[in-house]
Amino acid sequence: LISLRLNPSHQDIRIQIREQLDFATIL
């Protein structure tokens, strides 16, 4: 699942937004 999440073909807008939220939480 982690590998699939990193695959560009699965990088839809929801994942991109969620990823940015994760980055902001880390910061």
PDB file of all heavy atoms in Angstrom:
ATOM      1  N   LEU A   1       0.826  -1.215   0.000  1.00  0.00           N
ATOM      2  CA  LEU A   1       0.000   0.000   0.000  1.00  0.00           C
ATOM      3  C   LEU A   1       0.858   1.263   0.000  1.00  0.00           C
ATOM      4  O   LEU A   1       0.543   2.234  -0.691  1.00  0.00           O
ATOM      5  CB  LEU A   1      -0.941   0.007   1.215  1.00  0.00           C
ATOM      6  CG  LEU A   1      -2.076  -1.019   1.200  1.00  0.00           C
ATOM      7  CD1 LEU A   1      -2.918  -0.888   2.462  1.00  0.00           C
ATOM      8  CD2 LEU A   1      -2.950  -0.860  -0.035  1.00  0.00           C
ATOM      9  N   ILE A   2       1.948   1.242   0.760  1.00  0.00           N
ATOM     10  CA  ILE A   2       2.855   2.401   0.773  1.00  0.00           C
ATOM     11  C   ILE A   2       3.450   2.612  -0.615  1.00  0.00           C
ATOM     12  O   ILE A   2       3.521   3.735  -1.123  1.00  0.00           O
ATOM     13  CB  ILE A   2       3.977   2.209   1.821  1.00  0.00           C
ATOM     14  CG1 ILE A   2       3.398   2.238   3.239  1.00  0.00           C
ATOM     15  CG2 ILE A   2       5.050   3.296   1.672  1.00  0.00           C
ATOM     16  CD1 ILE A   2       4.396   1.858   4.321  1.00  0.00           C
ATOM     17  N   SER A   3       3.861   1.506  -1.248  1.00  0.00           N
ATOM     18  CA  SER A   3       4.433   1.588  -2.590  1.00  0.00           C
ATOM     19  C   SER A   3       3.414   2.137  -3.589  1.00  0.00           C
ATOM     20  O   SER A   3       3.742   2.976  -4.419  1.00  0.00           O
ATOM     21  CB  SER A   3       4.901   0.194  -3.032  1.00  0.00           C
ATOM     22  OG  SER A   3       5.297   0.202  -4.381  1.00  0.00           O
ATOM     23  N   LEU A   4       2.162   1.675  -3.495  1.00  0.00           N
ATOM     24  CA  LEU A   4       1.118   2.155  -4.394  1.00  0.00           C
ATOM     25  C   LEU A   4       0.830   3.637  -4.171  1.00  0.00           C
ATOM     26  O   LEU A   4       0.555   4.375  -5.114  1.00  0.00           O
ATOM     27  CB  LEU A   4      -0.174   1.346  -4.192  1.00  0.00           C
ATOM     28  CG  LEU A   4      -0.162  -0.097  -4.711  1.00  0.00           C
ATOM     29  CD1 LEU A   4      -1.412  -0.844  -4.275  1.00  0.00           C
ATOM     30  CD2 LEU A   4      -0.024  -0.132  -6.225  1.00  0.00           C
ATOM     31  N   ARG A   5       0.908   4.055  -2.917  1.00  0.00           N
ATOM     32  CA  ARG A   5       0.657   5.470  -2.604  1.00  0.00           C
ATOM     33  C   ARG A   5       1.711   6.369  -3.249  1.00  0.00           C
ATOM     34  O   ARG A   5       1.432   7.512  -3.620  1.00  0.00           O
ATOM     35  CB  ARG A   5       0.669   5.665  -1.090  1.00  0.00           C
ATOM     36  CG  ARG A   5       0.206   7.049  -0.637  1.00  0.00           C
ATOM     37  CD  ARG A   5       0.233   7.135   0.885  1.00  0.00           C
ATOM     38  NE  ARG A   5      -0.339   8.390   1.351  1.00  0.00           N
ATOM     39  CZ  ARG A   5       0.314   9.545   1.407  1.00  0.00           C
ATOM     40  NH1 ARG A   5       1.581   9.608   1.009  1.00  0.00           N
ATOM     41  NH2 ARG A   5      -0.275  10.633   1.855  1.00  0.00           N
ATOM     42  N   LEU A   6       2.909   5.845  -3.395  1.00  0.00           N
ATOM     43  CA  LEU A   6       4.002   6.616  -3.997  1.00  0.00           C
ATOM     44  C   LEU A   6       3.944   6.613  -5.527  1.00  0.00           C
ATOM     45  O   LEU A   6       4.629   7.399  -6.175  1.00  0.00           O
ATOM     46  CB  LEU A   6       5.356   6.049  -3.546  1.00  0.00           C
ATOM     47  CG  LEU A   6       5.665   6.154  -2.041  1.00  0.00           C
ATOM     48  CD1 LEU A   6       6.938   5.391  -1.709  1.00  0.00           C
ATOM     49  CD2 LEU A   6       5.785   7.605  -1.613  1.00  0.00           C
ATOM     50  N   ASN A   7       3.118   5.737  -6.080  1.00  0.00           N
ATOM     51  CA  ASN A   7       3.013   5.631  -7.538  1.00  0.00           C
ATOM     52  C   ASN A   7       2.290   6.859  -8.097  1.00  0.00           C
ATOM     53  O   ASN A   7       1.192   7.182  -7.650  1.00  0.00           O
ATOM     54  CB  ASN A   7       2.237   4.361  -7.906  1.00  0.00           C
ATOM     55  CG  ASN A   7       2.352   4.019  -9.377  1.00  0.00           C
ATOM     56  OD1 ASN A   7       2.209   4.888 -10.234  1.00  0.00           O
ATOM     57  ND2 ASN A   7       2.602   2.753  -9.665  1.00  0.00           N
ATOM     58  N   PRO A   8       2.884   7.543  -9.069  1.00  0.00           N
ATOM     59  CA  PRO A   8       2.250   8.746  -9.646  1.00  0.00           C
ATOM     60  C   PRO A   8       0.838   8.515 -10.159  1.00  0.00           C
ATOM     61  O   PRO A   8      -0.004   9.403 -10.100  1.00  0.00           O
ATOM     62  CB  PRO A   8       3.190   9.124 -10.799  1.00  0.00           C
ATOM     63  CG  PRO A   8       4.511   8.546 -10.416  1.00  0.00           C
ATOM     64  CD  PRO A   8       4.199   7.273  -9.678  1.00  0.00           C
ATOM     65  N   SER A   9       0.553   7.304 -10.650  1.00  0.00           N
ATOM     66  CA  SER A   9      -0.775   7.022 -11.200  1.00  0.00           C
ATOM     67  C   SER A   9      -1.853   7.040 -10.121  1.00  0.00           C
ATOM     68  O   SER A   9      -3.044   7.137 -10.419  1.00  0.00           O
ATOM     69  CB  SER A   9      -0.785   5.666 -11.911  1.00  0.00           C
ATOM     70  OG  SER A   9      -0.579   4.611 -10.994  1.00  0.00           O
ATOM     71  N   HIS A  10      -1.448   6.922  -8.850  1.00  0.00           N
ATOM     72  CA  HIS A  10      -2.415   6.932  -7.752  1.00  0.00           C
ATOM     73  C   HIS A  10      -2.405   8.258  -6.997  1.00  0.00           C
ATOM     74  O   HIS A  10      -3.062   8.390  -5.968  1.00  0.00           O
ATOM     75  CB  HIS A  10      -2.131   5.780  -6.777  1.00  0.00           C
ATOM     76  CG  HIS A  10      -2.203   4.429  -7.419  1.00  0.00           C
ATOM     77  ND1 HIS A  10      -3.385   3.888  -7.902  1.00  0.00           N
ATOM     78  CD2 HIS A  10      -1.241   3.515  -7.688  1.00  0.00           C
ATOM     79  CE1 HIS A  10      -3.139   2.708  -8.425  1.00  0.00           C
ATOM     80  NE2 HIS A  10      -1.851   2.451  -8.321  1.00  0.00           N
ATOM     81  N   GLN A  11      -1.673   9.212  -7.504  1.00  0.00           N
ATOM     82  CA  GLN A  11      -1.574  10.515  -6.825  1.00  0.00           C
ATOM     83  C   GLN A  11      -2.711  11.434  -7.263  1.00  0.00           C
ATOM     84  O   GLN A  11      -2.510  12.401  -7.981  1.00  0.00           O
ATOM     85  CB  GLN A  11      -0.216  11.164  -7.135  1.00  0.00           C
ATOM     86  CG  GLN A  11       0.968  10.487  -6.459  1.00  0.00           C
ATOM     87  CD  GLN A  11       0.998  10.746  -4.960  1.00  0.00           C
ATOM     88  OE1 GLN A  11       0.816  11.866  -4.515  1.00  0.00           O
ATOM     89  NE2 GLN A  11       1.244   9.705  -4.188  1.00  0.00           N
ATOM     90  N   ASP A  12      -3.930  11.141  -6.807  1.00  0.00           N
ATOM     91  CA  ASP A  12      -5.048  12.017  -7.157  1.00  0.00           C
ATOM     92  C   ASP A  12      -5.053  13.231  -6.230  1.00  0.00           C
ATOM     93  O   ASP A  12      -4.253  13.339  -5.305  1.00  0.00           O
ATOM     94  CB  ASP A  12      -6.381  11.273  -7.129  1.00  0.00           C
ATOM     95  CG  ASP A  12      -6.783  10.820  -5.728  1.00  0.00           C
ATOM     96  OD1 ASP A  12      -6.187  11.281  -4.737  1.00  0.00           O
ATOM     97  OD2 ASP A  12      -7.722  10.005  -5.623  1.00  0.00           O
ATOM     98  N   ILE A  13      -5.973  14.152  -6.470  1.00  0.00           N
ATOM     99  CA  ILE A  13      -5.975  15.426  -5.755  1.00  0.00           C
ATOM    100  C   ILE A  13      -6.184  15.235  -4.263  1.00  0.00           C
ATOM    101  O   ILE A  13      -5.611  15.970  -3.433  1.00  0.00           O
ATOM    102  CB  ILE A  13      -7.055  16.375  -6.345  1.00  0.00           C
ATOM    103  CG1 ILE A  13      -6.777  17.826  -5.927  1.00  0.00           C
ATOM    104  CG2 ILE A  13      -8.443  15.941  -5.957  1.00  0.00           C
ATOM    105  CD1 ILE A  13      -5.553  18.423  -6.542  1.00  0.00           C
ATOM    106  N   ARG A  14      -6.962  14.246  -3.868  1.00  0.00           N
ATOM    107  CA  ARG A  14      -7.208  14.009  -2.445  1.00  0.00           C
ATOM    108  C   ARG A  14      -5.927  13.584  -1.733  1.00  0.00           C
ATOM    109  O   ARG A  14      -5.633  14.038  -0.633  1.00  0.00           O
ATOM    110  CB  ARG A  14      -8.288  12.944  -2.258  1.00  0.00           C
ATOM    111  CG  ARG A  14      -9.642  13.371  -2.776  1.00  0.00           C
ATOM    112  CD  ARG A  14     -10.682  12.273  -2.624  1.00  0.00           C
ATOM    113  NE  ARG A  14     -11.927  12.649  -3.307  1.00  0.00           N
ATOM    114  CZ  ARG A  14     -12.181  12.419  -4.571  1.00  0.00           C
ATOM    115  NH1 ARG A  14     -11.286  11.819  -5.325  1.00  0.00           N
ATOM    116  NH2 ARG A  14     -13.320  12.791  -5.114  1.00  0.00           N
ATOM    117  N   ILE A  15      -5.174  12.710  -2.367  1.00  0.00           N
ATOM    118  CA  ILE A  15      -3.917  12.249  -1.784  1.00  0.00           C
ATOM    119  C   ILE A  15      -2.925  13.404  -1.702  1.00  0.00           C
ATOM    120  O   ILE A  15      -2.196  13.552  -0.717  1.00  0.00           O
ATOM    121  CB  ILE A  15      -3.330  11.071  -2.597  1.00  0.00           C
ATOM    122  CG1 ILE A  15      -4.211   9.820  -2.414  1.00  0.00           C
ATOM    123  CG2 ILE A  15      -1.895  10.767  -2.173  1.00  0.00           C
ATOM    124  CD1 ILE A  15      -3.772   8.626  -3.222  1.00  0.00           C
ATOM    125  N   GLN A  16      -2.911  14.236  -2.743  1.00  0.00           N
ATOM    126  CA  GLN A  16      -1.995  15.392  -2.746  1.00  0.00           C
ATOM    127  C   GLN A  16      -2.321  16.353  -1.604  1.00  0.00           C
ATOM    128  O   GLN A  16      -1.423  16.836  -0.909  1.00  0.00           O
ATOM    129  CB  GLN A  16      -2.084  16.119  -4.087  1.00  0.00           C
ATOM    130  CG  GLN A  16      -1.507  15.344  -5.259  1.00  0.00           C
ATOM    131  CD  GLN A  16      -1.786  16.012  -6.594  1.00  0.00           C
ATOM    132  OE1 GLN A  16      -1.982  17.231  -6.656  1.00  0.00           O
ATOM    133  NE2 GLN A  16      -1.812  15.229  -7.662  1.00  0.00           N
ATOM    134  N   ILE A  17      -3.607  16.630  -1.402  1.00  0.00           N
ATOM    135  CA  ILE A  17      -4.006  17.535  -0.315  1.00  0.00           C
ATOM    136  C   ILE A  17      -3.664  16.910   1.034  1.00  0.00           C
ATOM    137  O   ILE A  17      -3.135  17.573   1.923  1.00  0.00           O
ATOM    138  CB  ILE A  17      -5.522  17.848  -0.393  1.00  0.00           C
ATOM    139  CG1 ILE A  17      -5.837  18.609  -1.687  1.00  0.00           C
ATOM    140  CG2 ILE A  17      -5.960  18.673   0.818  1.00  0.00           C
ATOM    141  CD1 ILE A  17      -7.326  18.717  -1.981  1.00  0.00           C
ATOM    142  N   ARG A  18      -3.982  15.616   1.175  1.00  0.00           N
ATOM    143  CA  ARG A  18      -3.694  14.920   2.432  1.00  0.00           C
ATOM    144  C   ARG A  18      -2.194  14.892   2.709  1.00  0.00           C
ATOM    145  O   ARG A  18      -1.759  15.053   3.854  1.00  0.00           O
ATOM    146  CB  ARG A  18      -4.251  13.489   2.342  1.00  0.00           C
ATOM    147  CG  ARG A  18      -4.053  12.637   3.578  1.00  0.00           C
ATOM    148  CD  ARG A  18      -4.779  13.149   4.770  1.00  0.00           C
ATOM    149  NE  ARG A  18      -6.217  13.153   4.596  1.00  0.00           N
ATOM    150  CZ  ARG A  18      -7.055  13.633   5.500  1.00  0.00           C
ATOM    151  NH1 ARG A  18      -6.577  14.176   6.610  1.00  0.00           N
ATOM    152  NH2 ARG A  18      -8.348  13.611   5.284  1.00  0.00           N
ATOM    153  N   GLU A  19      -1.413  14.727   1.669  1.00  0.00           N
ATOM    154  CA  GLU A  19       0.049  14.722   1.819  1.00  0.00           C
ATOM    155  C   GLU A  19       0.532  16.082   2.321  1.00  0.00           C
ATOM    156  O   GLU A  19       1.385  16.151   3.220  1.00  0.00           O
ATOM    157  CB  GLU A  19       0.693  14.391   0.471  1.00  0.00           C
ATOM    158  CG  GLU A  19       2.211  14.233   0.527  1.00  0.00           C
ATOM    159  CD  GLU A  19       2.775  13.880  -0.835  1.00  0.00           C
ATOM    160  OE1 GLU A  19       2.617  14.682  -1.780  1.00  0.00           O
ATOM    161  OE2 GLU A  19       3.374  12.798  -0.955  1.00  0.00           O
ATOM    162  N   GLN A  20      -0.013  17.168   1.758  1.00  0.00           N
ATOM    163  CA  GLN A  20       0.368  18.513   2.208  1.00  0.00           C
ATOM    164  C   GLN A  20      -0.031  18.734   3.665  1.00  0.00           C
ATOM    165  O   GLN A  20       0.709  19.362   4.433  1.00  0.00           O
ATOM    166  CB  GLN A  20      -0.303  19.571   1.318  1.00  0.00           C
ATOM    167  CG  GLN A  20       0.212  19.601  -0.111  1.00  0.00           C
ATOM    168  CD  GLN A  20       1.713  19.846  -0.196  1.00  0.00           C
ATOM    169  OE1 GLN A  20       2.220  20.816   0.358  1.00  0.00           O
ATOM    170  NE2 GLN A  20       2.425  18.956  -0.887  1.00  0.00           N
ATOM    171  N   LEU A  21      -1.179  18.217   4.053  1.00  0.00           N
ATOM    172  CA  LEU A  21      -1.609  18.311   5.449  1.00  0.00           C
ATOM    173  C   LEU A  21      -0.650  17.550   6.364  1.00  0.00           C
ATOM    174  O   LEU A  21      -0.308  18.033   7.455  1.00  0.00           O
ATOM    175  CB  LEU A  21      -3.037  17.768   5.586  1.00  0.00           C
ATOM    176  CG  LEU A  21      -3.644  17.747   6.999  1.00  0.00           C
ATOM    177  CD1 LEU A  21      -3.610  19.133   7.639  1.00  0.00           C
ATOM    178  CD2 LEU A  21      -5.066  17.206   6.958  1.00  0.00           C
ATOM    179  N   ASP A  22      -0.209  16.389   5.914  1.00  0.00           N
ATOM    180  CA  ASP A  22       0.764  15.611   6.698  1.00  0.00           C
ATOM    181  C   ASP A  22       2.079  16.371   6.852  1.00  0.00           C
ATOM    182  O   ASP A  22       2.670  16.413   7.942  1.00  0.00           O
ATOM    183  CB  ASP A  22       1.032  14.262   6.022  1.00  0.00           C
ATOM    184  CG  ASP A  22      -0.169  13.333   6.084  1.00  0.00           C
ATOM    185  OD1 ASP A  22      -1.075  13.588   6.896  1.00  0.00           O
ATOM    186  OD2 ASP A  22      -0.206  12.355   5.305  1.00  0.00           O
ATOM    187  N   PHE A  23       2.538  16.984   5.737  1.00  0.00           N
ATOM    188  CA  PHE A  23       3.782  17.764   5.793  1.00  0.00           C
ATOM    189  C   PHE A  23       3.640  18.924   6.780  1.00  0.00           C
ATOM    190  O   PHE A  23       4.550  19.199   7.578  1.00  0.00           O
ATOM    191  CB  PHE A  23       4.132  18.322   4.404  1.00  0.00           C
ATOM    192  CG  PHE A  23       4.557  17.280   3.400  1.00  0.00           C
ATOM    193  CD1 PHE A  23       4.499  17.544   2.025  1.00  0.00           C
ATOM    194  CD2 PHE A  23       5.007  16.038   3.806  1.00  0.00           C
ATOM    195  CE1 PHE A  23       4.885  16.585   1.102  1.00  0.00           C
ATOM    196  CE2 PHE A  23       5.401  15.073   2.882  1.00  0.00           C
ATOM    197  CZ  PHE A  23       5.329  15.349   1.531  1.00  0.00           C
ATOM    198  N   ALA A  24       2.504  19.626   6.703  1.00  0.00           N
ATOM    199  CA  ALA A  24       2.281  20.772   7.592  1.00  0.00           C
ATOM    200  C   ALA A  24       2.242  20.335   9.055  1.00  0.00           C
ATOM    201  O   ALA A  24       2.738  21.045   9.939  1.00  0.00           O
ATOM    202  CB  ALA A  24       0.972  21.470   7.211  1.00  0.00           C
ATOM    203  N   THR A  25       1.655  19.171   9.311  1.00  0.00           N
ATOM    204  CA  THR A  25       1.580  18.644  10.682  1.00  0.00           C
ATOM    205  C   THR A  25       2.978  18.346  11.224  1.00  0.00           C
ATOM    206  O   THR A  25       3.291  18.651  12.383  1.00  0.00           O
ATOM    207  CB  THR A  25       0.718  17.367  10.714  1.00  0.00           C
ATOM    208  OG1 THR A  25      -0.575  17.671  10.176  1.00  0.00           O
ATOM    209  CG2 THR A  25       0.564  16.843  12.128  1.00  0.00           C
ATOM    210  N   ILE A  26       3.830  17.777  10.362  1.00  0.00           N
ATOM    211  CA  ILE A  26       5.216  17.488  10.771  1.00  0.00           C
ATOM    212  C   ILE A  26       5.951  18.786  11.105  1.00  0.00           C
ATOM    213  O   ILE A  26       6.640  18.892  12.135  1.00  0.00           O
ATOM    214  CB  ILE A  26       5.957  16.713   9.653  1.00  0.00           C
ATOM    215  CG1 ILE A  26       5.371  15.300   9.508  1.00  0.00           C
ATOM    216  CG2 ILE A  26       7.455  16.646   9.937  1.00  0.00           C
ATOM    217  CD1 ILE A  26       5.814  14.563   8.262  1.00  0.00           C
ATOM    218  N   LEU A  27       5.803  19.800  10.247  1.00  0.00           N
ATOM    219  CA  LEU A  27       6.449  21.098  10.484  1.00  0.00           C
ATOM    220  C   LEU A  27       5.934  21.751  11.767  1.00  0.00           C
ATOM    221  O   LEU A  27       6.700  22.365  12.512  1.00  0.00           O
ATOM    222  CB  LEU A  27       6.213  22.030   9.285  1.00  0.00           C
ATOM    223  CG  LEU A  27       6.907  21.632   7.980  1.00  0.00           C
ATOM    224  CD1 LEU A  27       6.389  22.467   6.822  1.00  0.00           C
ATOM    225  CD2 LEU A  27       8.420  21.767   8.102  1.00  0.00           C
TER     226      LEU A  27
END
